[in-house]
N, C-alpha and C. Protein backbone atom coordinates (compact mmCIF):
# COMPACT_ATOMS: atom_id res chain seq x y z
N MET A 1 -94.02 -25.43 -3.21
CA MET A 1 -93.57 -26.85 -4.03
C MET A 1 -93.53 -26.36 -5.54
N PRO A 2 -92.60 -26.41 -6.50
CA PRO A 2 -92.59 -25.94 -7.84
C PRO A 2 -93.89 -26.72 -8.12
N LEU A 3 -94.41 -25.90 -9.67
CA LEU A 3 -94.97 -26.32 -10.34
C LEU A 3 -94.47 -27.54 -11.25
N PRO A 4 -95.42 -28.11 -11.73
CA PRO A 4 -94.93 -29.16 -12.71
C PRO A 4 -94.73 -28.72 -14.31
N LEU A 5 -94.15 -28.79 -14.97
CA LEU A 5 -94.08 -28.07 -16.12
C LEU A 5 -93.99 -28.62 -17.36
N PRO A 6 -94.41 -28.22 -18.35
CA PRO A 6 -94.72 -29.15 -19.64
C PRO A 6 -93.30 -29.48 -20.37
N PRO A 7 -93.39 -30.74 -20.59
CA PRO A 7 -92.01 -31.37 -21.30
C PRO A 7 -91.89 -30.64 -22.15
N HIS A 8 -90.38 -30.48 -22.42
CA HIS A 8 -89.81 -29.27 -22.99
C HIS A 8 -89.72 -29.68 -24.73
N GLU A 9 -90.14 -31.00 -24.80
CA GLU A 9 -90.74 -30.76 -26.58
C GLU A 9 -91.83 -30.23 -26.99
N ILE A 10 -92.68 -29.65 -25.87
CA ILE A 10 -94.13 -28.84 -26.30
C ILE A 10 -93.81 -27.51 -26.23
N VAL A 11 -93.12 -27.23 -25.51
CA VAL A 11 -92.50 -25.60 -25.50
C VAL A 11 -91.66 -25.32 -26.20
N ARG A 12 -92.28 -23.59 -26.70
CA ARG A 12 -91.75 -22.98 -27.95
C ARG A 12 -90.56 -22.22 -27.20
N ALA A 13 -89.73 -22.27 -28.08
CA ALA A 13 -88.07 -21.69 -27.91
C ALA A 13 -88.63 -19.86 -27.69
N GLY A 14 -88.25 -19.10 -26.97
CA GLY A 14 -88.14 -17.42 -26.82
C GLY A 14 -88.15 -16.98 -25.81
N PRO A 15 -88.53 -16.19 -25.68
CA PRO A 15 -88.91 -15.77 -24.39
C PRO A 15 -90.29 -15.87 -24.12
N PRO A 16 -90.31 -15.73 -22.31
CA PRO A 16 -91.57 -16.23 -21.66
C PRO A 16 -92.85 -14.92 -22.33
N PRO A 17 -94.12 -15.22 -22.03
CA PRO A 17 -94.85 -14.11 -22.57
C PRO A 17 -94.88 -12.95 -21.61
N THR A 18 -95.26 -11.69 -21.88
CA THR A 18 -94.98 -10.47 -21.13
C THR A 18 -96.13 -10.67 -20.03
N ASP A 19 -95.75 -9.79 -19.14
CA ASP A 19 -97.16 -9.85 -17.83
C ASP A 19 -98.51 -9.20 -18.43
N LEU A 20 -97.96 -8.47 -19.91
CA LEU A 20 -99.27 -7.72 -20.10
C LEU A 20 -99.74 -8.06 -21.52
N LEU A 21 -99.50 -9.51 -22.03
CA LEU A 21 -100.27 -10.28 -22.79
C LEU A 21 -101.43 -10.84 -22.24
N LEU A 22 -102.53 -10.25 -23.33
CA LEU A 22 -103.93 -10.75 -23.20
C LEU A 22 -104.15 -12.08 -23.38
N VAL A 23 -104.10 -12.95 -22.41
CA VAL A 23 -104.83 -14.49 -22.55
C VAL A 23 -106.44 -14.64 -22.61
N VAL A 24 -107.00 -15.80 -23.44
CA VAL A 24 -107.86 -15.81 -24.00
C VAL A 24 -108.39 -17.38 -23.99
N ARG A 25 -109.30 -17.44 -22.98
CA ARG A 25 -110.28 -18.60 -23.19
C ARG A 25 -111.10 -18.51 -23.46
N GLY A 26 -111.57 -19.31 -24.76
CA GLY A 26 -113.21 -19.15 -25.30
C GLY A 26 -113.88 -19.90 -24.78
N GLY A 27 -115.47 -19.24 -24.48
CA GLY A 27 -116.81 -20.09 -24.23
C GLY A 27 -117.12 -19.77 -22.77
N ARG A 28 -118.45 -19.54 -22.69
CA ARG A 28 -119.12 -19.06 -21.04
C ARG A 28 -118.79 -19.93 -20.46
N ASP A 29 -118.68 -21.20 -20.68
CA ASP A 29 -118.48 -22.02 -19.42
C ASP A 29 -117.15 -23.00 -19.42
N SER A 30 -116.07 -22.00 -19.69
CA SER A 30 -114.94 -22.74 -20.21
C SER A 30 -113.91 -22.82 -18.93
N LEU A 31 -114.41 -21.85 -17.85
CA LEU A 31 -114.14 -22.15 -16.76
C LEU A 31 -114.49 -22.51 -15.75
N SER A 32 -115.97 -23.26 -15.78
CA SER A 32 -116.21 -23.86 -14.95
C SER A 32 -115.62 -25.24 -14.52
N ASP A 33 -116.10 -25.40 -13.11
CA ASP A 33 -115.03 -26.73 -12.14
C ASP A 33 -115.09 -28.06 -13.31
N ALA A 34 -116.32 -28.16 -13.43
CA ALA A 34 -116.66 -29.64 -14.81
C ALA A 34 -115.88 -29.16 -16.04
N ASN A 35 -115.53 -28.15 -16.71
CA ASN A 35 -114.98 -28.38 -17.81
C ASN A 35 -113.37 -27.94 -17.24
N LEU A 36 -113.27 -27.45 -16.02
CA LEU A 36 -111.76 -27.16 -16.05
C LEU A 36 -111.27 -28.89 -15.10
N GLU A 37 -112.00 -29.48 -14.82
CA GLU A 37 -111.75 -30.85 -14.56
C GLU A 37 -111.30 -31.50 -15.79
N ARG A 38 -112.01 -31.74 -16.59
CA ARG A 38 -111.86 -32.23 -17.97
C ARG A 38 -110.66 -31.85 -18.29
N ALA A 39 -110.29 -30.44 -18.81
CA ALA A 39 -109.27 -30.12 -19.41
C ALA A 39 -107.88 -30.24 -18.89
N VAL A 40 -107.80 -29.84 -17.32
CA VAL A 40 -106.60 -30.50 -16.55
C VAL A 40 -106.28 -31.52 -15.98
N GLY A 41 -107.66 -32.01 -16.50
CA GLY A 41 -107.06 -34.19 -16.33
C GLY A 41 -106.39 -34.36 -17.49
N ASP A 42 -107.16 -34.09 -18.67
CA ASP A 42 -106.76 -34.54 -19.94
C ASP A 42 -105.08 -33.94 -19.98
N CYS A 43 -104.76 -32.82 -19.53
CA CYS A 43 -103.47 -32.37 -19.97
C CYS A 43 -102.58 -33.23 -19.03
N TRP A 44 -102.95 -33.43 -17.64
CA TRP A 44 -101.96 -34.04 -16.74
C TRP A 44 -101.80 -35.52 -17.36
N LEU A 45 -102.89 -35.95 -18.01
CA LEU A 45 -102.78 -37.77 -18.51
C LEU A 45 -101.80 -37.85 -19.76
N ARG A 46 -101.69 -36.58 -20.47
CA ARG A 46 -101.31 -36.40 -21.81
C ARG A 46 -99.69 -36.20 -21.68
N TYR A 47 -99.49 -34.78 -21.04
CA TYR A 47 -98.12 -34.84 -20.62
C TYR A 47 -97.61 -34.22 -19.54
N GLY A 48 -98.21 -34.73 -18.70
CA GLY A 48 -98.17 -34.86 -17.12
C GLY A 48 -97.66 -33.67 -16.31
N PHE A 49 -98.49 -32.54 -16.41
CA PHE A 49 -98.58 -31.25 -15.84
C PHE A 49 -100.16 -30.78 -16.10
N PHE A 50 -100.44 -29.78 -14.76
CA PHE A 50 -101.67 -29.43 -14.75
C PHE A 50 -101.91 -27.80 -15.59
N GLY A 51 -102.40 -28.27 -16.80
CA GLY A 51 -102.14 -27.55 -18.13
C GLY A 51 -103.89 -26.86 -18.52
N LEU A 52 -103.68 -25.70 -19.03
CA LEU A 52 -105.22 -25.49 -19.43
C LEU A 52 -104.74 -24.64 -20.86
N SER A 53 -105.34 -25.14 -21.80
CA SER A 53 -104.86 -23.94 -23.34
C SER A 53 -105.73 -22.90 -22.98
N VAL A 54 -104.81 -21.96 -23.51
CA VAL A 54 -105.18 -20.51 -23.81
C VAL A 54 -104.13 -20.02 -24.98
N PHE A 55 -105.10 -18.78 -25.28
CA PHE A 55 -104.34 -18.20 -26.38
C PHE A 55 -104.00 -16.71 -26.17
N GLY A 56 -102.98 -16.02 -26.98
CA GLY A 56 -102.46 -14.93 -26.70
C GLY A 56 -102.99 -14.21 -27.63
N ALA A 57 -103.75 -12.76 -27.37
CA ALA A 57 -104.32 -11.93 -28.43
C ALA A 57 -103.19 -10.93 -28.86
N PRO A 58 -102.27 -11.21 -30.07
CA PRO A 58 -101.22 -10.17 -29.94
C PRO A 58 -101.92 -8.57 -30.64
N ASP A 59 -101.65 -7.17 -29.72
CA ASP A 59 -101.96 -6.43 -29.34
C ASP A 59 -103.26 -6.25 -28.87
N ASP A 60 -103.32 -7.10 -27.92
CA ASP A 60 -105.26 -7.33 -27.62
C ASP A 60 -106.28 -7.45 -28.84
N ASP A 61 -105.73 -7.89 -29.95
CA ASP A 61 -106.48 -7.83 -30.84
C ASP A 61 -107.46 -9.01 -31.24
N LEU A 62 -108.70 -9.19 -30.10
CA LEU A 62 -109.45 -10.01 -30.53
C LEU A 62 -110.04 -10.64 -31.78
N ALA A 63 -110.05 -9.78 -32.79
CA ALA A 63 -110.64 -10.19 -33.77
C ALA A 63 -109.78 -10.55 -34.46
N ALA A 64 -108.45 -10.68 -34.67
CA ALA A 64 -107.65 -11.08 -35.53
C ALA A 64 -106.98 -12.19 -35.08
N LEU A 65 -107.34 -12.03 -33.39
CA LEU A 65 -107.06 -14.06 -32.71
C LEU A 65 -108.24 -14.30 -33.35
N SER A 66 -109.17 -14.11 -33.44
CA SER A 66 -110.77 -15.07 -33.80
C SER A 66 -110.19 -15.56 -35.74
N GLU A 67 -110.44 -14.37 -36.04
CA GLU A 67 -109.31 -15.11 -37.39
C GLU A 67 -108.89 -15.72 -37.55
N SER A 68 -107.77 -16.17 -36.65
CA SER A 68 -106.45 -16.95 -37.05
C SER A 68 -106.55 -18.07 -36.23
N VAL A 69 -107.50 -18.44 -35.11
CA VAL A 69 -107.75 -19.42 -34.06
C VAL A 69 -108.92 -20.19 -34.17
N SER A 70 -109.29 -20.82 -35.11
CA SER A 70 -110.60 -21.66 -35.20
C SER A 70 -111.18 -21.85 -33.69
N GLN A 71 -110.16 -22.03 -32.80
CA GLN A 71 -110.86 -22.29 -31.15
C GLN A 71 -111.54 -21.10 -30.63
N ILE A 72 -111.49 -20.38 -31.11
CA ILE A 72 -111.52 -18.84 -30.38
C ILE A 72 -112.70 -18.65 -31.20
N ARG A 73 -112.96 -18.23 -32.60
CA ARG A 73 -113.54 -17.76 -33.52
C ARG A 73 -114.85 -18.54 -33.61
N ARG A 74 -115.29 -19.74 -33.25
CA ARG A 74 -116.21 -20.67 -32.87
C ARG A 74 -117.01 -20.12 -31.47
N ARG A 75 -116.27 -19.62 -30.75
CA ARG A 75 -117.01 -19.16 -29.76
C ARG A 75 -117.45 -17.80 -29.41
N ARG A 76 -119.01 -17.66 -29.10
CA ARG A 76 -119.64 -16.69 -28.95
C ARG A 76 -119.32 -15.45 -28.11
N GLU A 77 -118.67 -16.04 -26.92
CA GLU A 77 -118.40 -15.37 -25.75
C GLU A 77 -117.14 -15.92 -25.28
N VAL A 78 -115.89 -14.93 -25.08
CA VAL A 78 -114.69 -15.34 -24.45
C VAL A 78 -114.50 -14.75 -23.58
N ARG A 79 -113.19 -14.77 -22.17
CA ARG A 79 -113.02 -14.43 -20.76
C ARG A 79 -111.50 -14.21 -21.57
N VAL A 80 -111.12 -13.02 -20.65
CA VAL A 80 -109.75 -12.66 -21.12
C VAL A 80 -109.22 -12.45 -19.69
N ALA A 81 -107.89 -12.29 -19.52
CA ALA A 81 -107.12 -12.10 -18.62
C ALA A 81 -105.33 -11.87 -19.01
N ARG A 82 -104.86 -11.15 -18.38
CA ARG A 82 -103.36 -10.72 -18.47
C ARG A 82 -102.24 -11.28 -17.84
N CYS A 83 -101.03 -11.87 -18.27
CA CYS A 83 -100.57 -12.83 -18.02
C CYS A 83 -100.24 -12.22 -16.40
N GLY A 84 -99.81 -11.23 -16.41
CA GLY A 84 -99.50 -10.56 -14.77
C GLY A 84 -100.29 -11.16 -13.85
N GLN A 85 -101.72 -10.75 -14.27
CA GLN A 85 -102.67 -11.28 -12.99
C GLN A 85 -102.46 -12.42 -12.80
N LEU A 86 -102.07 -13.48 -13.56
CA LEU A 86 -101.95 -14.91 -14.00
C LEU A 86 -100.71 -15.23 -12.69
N ARG A 87 -99.58 -15.13 -13.32
CA ARG A 87 -98.63 -14.71 -12.46
C ARG A 87 -98.78 -14.58 -10.60
N THR A 88 -99.11 -13.14 -10.54
CA THR A 88 -99.73 -12.54 -9.52
C THR A 88 -100.19 -14.00 -8.33
N ALA A 89 -101.76 -14.58 -8.90
CA ALA A 89 -102.16 -15.68 -8.45
C ALA A 89 -101.53 -16.83 -8.38
N GLY A 90 -100.20 -16.73 -8.51
CA GLY A 90 -99.57 -18.08 -8.76
C GLY A 90 -99.38 -19.13 -9.54
N LEU A 91 -99.99 -18.82 -10.43
CA LEU A 91 -100.35 -19.56 -12.45
C LEU A 91 -98.69 -19.05 -12.72
N GLU A 92 -98.63 -20.22 -13.94
CA GLU A 92 -97.99 -19.55 -15.35
C GLU A 92 -98.29 -19.56 -16.37
N VAL A 93 -97.54 -19.34 -17.61
CA VAL A 93 -97.79 -19.42 -18.88
C VAL A 93 -96.79 -19.64 -19.53
N TYR A 94 -96.97 -20.70 -20.26
CA TYR A 94 -95.76 -21.06 -20.98
C TYR A 94 -96.43 -21.48 -22.57
N ALA A 95 -95.34 -20.45 -23.53
CA ALA A 95 -95.76 -20.86 -25.10
C ALA A 95 -95.46 -22.41 -25.23
N THR A 96 -96.66 -22.67 -25.86
CA THR A 96 -96.55 -24.43 -25.98
C THR A 96 -97.20 -24.67 -27.53
N PHE A 97 -96.67 -25.63 -28.23
CA PHE A 97 -97.19 -26.35 -29.46
C PHE A 97 -96.74 -25.20 -30.69
N VAL A 98 -96.71 -25.72 -31.51
CA VAL A 98 -96.50 -24.82 -33.17
C VAL A 98 -97.21 -23.40 -33.40
N ASN A 99 -98.71 -23.57 -32.58
CA ASN A 99 -99.11 -22.59 -33.19
C ASN A 99 -98.29 -21.55 -32.21
N PRO A 100 -98.05 -20.04 -33.20
CA PRO A 100 -97.68 -19.10 -32.19
C PRO A 100 -98.51 -18.23 -31.28
N THR A 101 -99.81 -18.52 -31.07
CA THR A 101 -100.81 -18.00 -30.02
C THR A 101 -101.19 -18.87 -29.23
N HIS A 102 -100.95 -19.85 -28.93
CA HIS A 102 -101.01 -21.28 -28.17
C HIS A 102 -100.29 -20.73 -26.96
N TYR A 103 -100.49 -20.59 -25.82
CA TYR A 103 -100.19 -20.73 -24.77
C TYR A 103 -100.71 -22.08 -23.87
N SER A 104 -99.79 -22.72 -22.68
CA SER A 104 -100.81 -23.44 -21.60
C SER A 104 -100.24 -22.76 -20.22
N LEU A 105 -101.87 -22.52 -19.53
CA LEU A 105 -101.56 -21.73 -18.53
C LEU A 105 -101.35 -23.16 -17.36
N ILE A 106 -100.45 -23.32 -16.34
CA ILE A 106 -99.98 -23.78 -15.54
C ILE A 106 -100.47 -23.99 -14.74
N LEU A 107 -101.16 -25.00 -13.61
CA LEU A 107 -101.90 -24.65 -12.12
C LEU A 107 -101.04 -25.20 -11.57
N PRO A 108 -100.95 -25.34 -10.00
CA PRO A 108 -100.18 -25.85 -9.24
C PRO A 108 -100.97 -27.50 -9.34
N ASP A 109 -102.15 -27.79 -9.09
CA ASP A 109 -103.08 -28.63 -8.72
C ASP A 109 -104.14 -28.62 -9.58
N ALA A 110 -105.55 -29.61 -9.60
CA ALA A 110 -106.46 -29.81 -10.06
C ALA A 110 -107.98 -29.61 -8.97
N MET A 111 -107.04 -28.58 -7.82
CA MET A 111 -108.38 -28.81 -6.65
C MET A 111 -109.45 -27.68 -7.41
N ALA A 112 -110.69 -27.56 -6.37
CA ALA A 112 -111.80 -26.72 -6.89
C ALA A 112 -111.06 -25.12 -6.37
N ALA A 113 -110.28 -25.36 -5.31
CA ALA A 113 -109.95 -23.95 -4.72
C ALA A 113 -108.72 -23.25 -6.00
N THR A 114 -107.83 -23.78 -6.32
CA THR A 114 -107.34 -23.41 -7.51
C THR A 114 -108.23 -23.01 -8.61
N PHE A 115 -108.84 -23.34 -9.08
CA PHE A 115 -109.88 -23.24 -10.26
C PHE A 115 -110.14 -22.31 -9.71
N GLY A 116 -111.26 -21.76 -8.41
CA GLY A 116 -111.44 -20.47 -8.01
C GLY A 116 -110.96 -19.07 -8.61
N ARG A 117 -109.39 -19.85 -7.63
CA ARG A 117 -108.19 -18.70 -8.00
C ARG A 117 -107.99 -18.15 -9.47
N LEU A 118 -108.22 -19.18 -10.30
CA LEU A 118 -107.97 -18.98 -11.74
C LEU A 118 -109.35 -18.13 -12.78
N ARG A 119 -110.57 -18.40 -11.80
CA ARG A 119 -111.67 -17.70 -12.20
C ARG A 119 -111.57 -16.35 -11.70
N THR A 120 -110.96 -16.00 -10.65
CA THR A 120 -110.19 -14.39 -10.54
C THR A 120 -109.98 -13.41 -11.50
N CYS A 121 -108.83 -14.09 -11.86
CA CYS A 121 -107.92 -13.43 -12.80
C CYS A 121 -108.67 -13.29 -13.86
N PHE A 122 -109.84 -13.74 -14.62
CA PHE A 122 -110.71 -13.54 -15.70
C PHE A 122 -111.59 -13.08 -15.90
N SER A 123 -111.97 -12.12 -16.73
CA SER A 123 -113.00 -11.69 -16.84
C SER A 123 -114.33 -11.87 -17.08
N ASP A 124 -115.24 -11.39 -16.68
CA ASP A 124 -116.50 -12.46 -16.85
C ASP A 124 -116.59 -12.43 -18.63
N PRO A 125 -117.94 -13.20 -18.90
CA PRO A 125 -117.60 -13.68 -20.59
C PRO A 125 -117.78 -12.35 -20.83
N GLN A 126 -117.17 -11.80 -21.98
CA GLN A 126 -117.82 -10.91 -22.99
C GLN A 126 -117.59 -11.37 -24.74
N GLY A 127 -118.66 -10.69 -25.27
CA GLY A 127 -118.76 -11.13 -26.64
C GLY A 127 -117.54 -10.95 -27.58
N ASN A 128 -117.65 -11.91 -28.25
CA ASN A 128 -116.30 -12.40 -29.06
C ASN A 128 -116.16 -11.60 -30.48
N PRO A 129 -115.71 -10.39 -30.73
CA PRO A 129 -115.79 -9.25 -32.03
C PRO A 129 -115.40 -10.23 -33.11
N GLY A 130 -115.09 -11.23 -32.83
CA GLY A 130 -114.24 -12.28 -33.96
C GLY A 130 -115.08 -13.11 -34.42
N PHE A 131 -116.43 -13.78 -33.54
CA PHE A 131 -117.26 -14.78 -33.39
C PHE A 131 -118.03 -14.85 -34.76
N LEU A 132 -118.07 -16.24 -35.65
CA LEU A 132 -118.37 -16.47 -37.05
C LEU A 132 -118.97 -17.39 -36.80
N LEU A 133 -120.48 -17.41 -36.96
CA LEU A 133 -121.17 -18.67 -36.89
C LEU A 133 -120.72 -19.84 -37.93
N PRO A 134 -120.51 -21.32 -37.33
CA PRO A 134 -120.43 -22.27 -38.23
C PRO A 134 -121.25 -22.25 -39.43
N HIS A 135 -121.69 -22.66 -40.78
CA HIS A 135 -122.91 -22.64 -41.64
C HIS A 135 -122.62 -24.16 -42.42
N VAL A 136 -123.38 -24.99 -42.85
CA VAL A 136 -122.80 -26.21 -43.48
C VAL A 136 -123.48 -25.71 -44.95
N LYS A 137 -122.56 -25.67 -46.08
CA LYS A 137 -122.93 -25.74 -47.10
C LYS A 137 -123.39 -26.98 -47.88
N SER A 138 -124.36 -27.09 -48.85
CA SER A 138 -124.65 -27.96 -49.61
C SER A 138 -123.94 -28.90 -50.17
N SER A 139 -122.67 -29.03 -49.95
CA SER A 139 -121.20 -29.70 -50.27
C SER A 139 -120.95 -30.80 -48.98
N GLY A 140 -122.16 -30.35 -47.68
CA GLY A 140 -121.52 -30.73 -46.63
C GLY A 140 -120.68 -30.52 -45.82
N LYS A 141 -119.08 -29.73 -46.49
CA LYS A 141 -118.57 -29.03 -45.93
C LYS A 141 -119.07 -27.61 -44.61
N ALA A 142 -118.57 -27.00 -44.14
CA ALA A 142 -118.71 -26.18 -43.22
C ALA A 142 -118.07 -25.48 -43.32
N GLU A 143 -118.50 -23.67 -43.14
CA GLU A 143 -117.90 -23.00 -43.77
C GLU A 143 -118.28 -21.98 -42.93
N SER A 144 -117.83 -20.62 -42.28
CA SER A 144 -118.13 -20.09 -41.48
C SER A 144 -118.70 -18.25 -42.03
N LEU A 145 -119.88 -17.94 -41.37
CA LEU A 145 -120.74 -16.93 -41.71
C LEU A 145 -120.85 -15.55 -40.75
N PRO A 146 -120.08 -14.59 -41.39
CA PRO A 146 -120.14 -13.66 -40.22
C PRO A 146 -121.81 -13.58 -39.28
N HIS A 147 -121.51 -13.20 -37.77
CA HIS A 147 -122.54 -13.36 -37.25
C HIS A 147 -123.05 -11.56 -37.62
N VAL A 148 -124.58 -11.63 -37.69
CA VAL A 148 -125.06 -10.58 -37.76
C VAL A 148 -126.37 -10.61 -36.67
N GLU A 149 -126.10 -8.99 -35.90
CA GLU A 149 -127.19 -9.26 -35.13
C GLU A 149 -128.31 -8.47 -35.68
N PRO A 150 -129.55 -8.89 -35.04
CA PRO A 150 -130.89 -8.21 -35.75
C PRO A 150 -131.05 -7.00 -35.96
N PRO A 151 -131.77 -6.43 -36.57
CA PRO A 151 -132.33 -4.86 -36.78
C PRO A 151 -132.55 -4.32 -35.15
N ALA A 152 -131.79 -3.22 -34.63
CA ALA A 152 -133.05 -2.84 -34.04
C ALA A 152 -133.85 -1.92 -34.13
N GLY A 153 -135.41 -2.10 -33.29
CA GLY A 153 -136.46 -1.48 -34.14
C GLY A 153 -137.65 -2.01 -33.05
N ASN A 154 -138.59 -1.92 -33.46
CA ASN A 154 -139.73 -1.97 -33.08
C ASN A 154 -140.12 -3.88 -32.48
N GLY A 155 -139.14 -4.38 -33.32
CA GLY A 155 -139.53 -5.56 -33.00
C GLY A 155 -140.89 -6.27 -33.65
N GLY A 156 -140.92 -5.39 -34.96
CA GLY A 156 -142.35 -5.69 -35.85
C GLY A 156 -141.63 -6.49 -37.10
């Protein structure tokens, strides 16, 4: 049975992403069943396909992706996969919406078995090299400050 695909009005023109594209999903728990059920269900209700928002890291540069995409920048950890791994698992990746790094990962359904197959394609959570802590200025507007590791030493 063919996958329900995104409506053509949200698909960006151009060739499909290559198998080597590094696909990024932000957050330690972003691939939990509960988060996937919510995200994939919302996509089904809005657009009529079982989809999950992901981002593509040009040249595998997670720091550059974080700099340009706030949804990734605000995550301490990310999970990554290659488009080829996802396609081998029976999933597909389409370039969607205006942001040139945004993609929709298309699933055949919203079942736990599919979510499990999806998780096997992605890495364990790893540190996001472009993570920036949000900081609220006295004006009440948020700005981002770089994340700084505590100094190594005797803890004293």
